[in-house]
Protein backbone atom coordinates (compact mmCIF):
# COMPACT_ATOMS: atom_id res chain seq x y z
CA UNK A 1 -33.47 17.18 7.77
CA UNK A 2 -33.78 15.36 4.96
CA UNK A 3 -34.48 11.57 4.93
CA UNK A 4 -33.72 11.58 0.95
CA UNK A 5 -31.17 9.26 0.21
CA UNK A 6 -31.14 9.75 -4.06
CA UNK A 7 -28.31 11.94 -4.48
CA UNK A 8 -29.65 13.70 -8.02
CA UNK A 9 -32.96 14.51 -5.25
CA UNK A 10 -30.49 15.78 -2.40
CA UNK A 11 -28.90 18.10 -5.10
CA UNK A 12 -32.30 19.26 -6.37
CA UNK A 13 -33.60 19.88 -3.02
CA UNK A 14 -30.38 22.00 -2.15
CA UNK A 15 -30.85 23.61 -5.10
CA UNK A 16 -34.52 24.63 -4.03
CA UNK A 17 -33.75 25.74 -0.48
CA UNK A 18 -31.01 27.68 -1.48
CA UNK A 19 -33.49 29.29 -4.43
CA UNK A 20 -36.17 29.80 -1.43
CA UNK A 21 -33.71 30.87 0.94
CA UNK A 22 -32.86 33.89 -1.66
CA UNK A 23 -36.74 34.79 -2.21
CA UNK A 24 -37.46 34.66 1.57
CA UNK A 25 -34.79 36.96 2.37
CA UNK A 26 -32.33 34.30 3.26
CA UNK A 27 -34.01 31.89 5.61
CA UNK A 28 -36.37 28.97 5.68
CA UNK A 29 -38.39 27.40 7.66
CA UNK A 30 -38.11 23.76 9.57
CA UNK A 31 -41.56 22.41 7.61
CA UNK A 32 -40.04 23.89 4.12
CA UNK A 33 -36.97 22.23 4.44
CA UNK A 34 -38.86 19.01 5.56
CA UNK A 35 -40.46 19.54 2.27
CA UNK A 36 -37.02 19.19 0.58
CA UNK A 37 -37.59 15.36 1.04
CA UNK A 38 -39.73 15.43 -1.77
CA UNK A 39 -37.92 18.28 -4.34
CA UNK A 40 -41.40 18.28 -6.72
CA UNK A 41 -43.42 19.05 -3.64
CA UNK A 42 -40.64 22.11 -2.59
CA UNK A 43 -40.37 23.07 -6.57
CA UNK A 44 -43.80 23.69 -6.37
CA UNK A 45 -44.00 25.57 -3.06
CA UNK A 46 -41.12 28.19 -4.26
CA UNK A 47 -42.54 28.47 -7.50
CA UNK A 48 -46.25 29.39 -5.96
CA UNK A 49 -44.50 31.72 -2.98
CA UNK A 50 -42.27 33.18 -5.94
CA UNK A 51 -45.84 34.30 -7.93
CA UNK A 52 -47.83 35.03 -4.79
CA UNK A 53 -44.93 37.27 -3.66
CA UNK A 54 -44.21 39.36 -6.92
CA UNK A 55 -44.30 42.85 -6.77
CA UNK A 56 -46.83 43.18 -9.60
CA UNK A 57 -49.22 40.70 -7.96
CA UNK A 58 -53.03 41.38 -8.14
CA UNK A 59 -53.49 40.60 -4.78
CA UNK A 60 -52.80 43.72 -2.22
CA UNK A 61 -49.86 42.09 0.62
CA UNK A 62 -52.24 41.92 3.40
CA UNK A 63 -55.00 40.29 1.76
CA UNK A 64 -52.51 37.56 1.01
CA UNK A 65 -51.51 37.26 4.42
CA UNK A 66 -55.51 37.31 5.90
CA UNK A 67 -55.88 34.54 3.41
CA UNK A 68 -52.72 32.53 4.37
CA UNK A 69 -53.86 33.31 8.39
CA UNK A 70 -57.60 32.00 7.33
CA UNK A 71 -55.96 28.53 5.71
CA UNK A 72 -53.91 28.23 8.73
CA UNK A 73 -57.62 28.58 10.43
CA UNK A 74 -59.16 26.15 8.60
CA UNK A 75 -56.01 23.97 9.22
CA UNK A 76 -55.51 24.33 12.51
CA UNK A 77 -52.19 25.59 12.48
CA UNK A 78 -51.32 28.08 15.31
CA UNK A 79 -47.76 29.09 14.10
CA UNK A 80 -49.60 29.45 10.36
CA UNK A 81 -52.52 31.72 12.10
CA UNK A 82 -49.94 33.57 14.10
CA UNK A 83 -47.38 34.81 11.84
CA UNK A 84 -49.53 35.59 9.27
CA UNK A 85 -51.82 37.47 10.99
CA UNK A 86 -49.30 39.73 12.72
CA UNK A 87 -47.79 40.38 8.97
CA UNK A 88 -51.58 41.17 8.07
CA UNK A 89 -51.39 43.82 10.54
CA UNK A 90 -47.96 44.98 10.11
CA UNK A 91 -49.25 45.53 6.51
């Protein structure tokens, strides 16, 4: 849920969420929607997501998922650990 009230920031956040949904295959996660309260943060996330998931990335998908799982372990975020662990096994 967006708590942001600035119309310009809301418009930018909506466009960024739509762009993120496209690159993620049609959906965005709840934490990504919460990030939209700060369009600059969401914009940085969208760009990093796009760069990390493009076809010509040097790091293979399995290793990217393992890195994200390790970050989830370090931060103590069970959802990140489970999701990226599962994706690493699938790759």
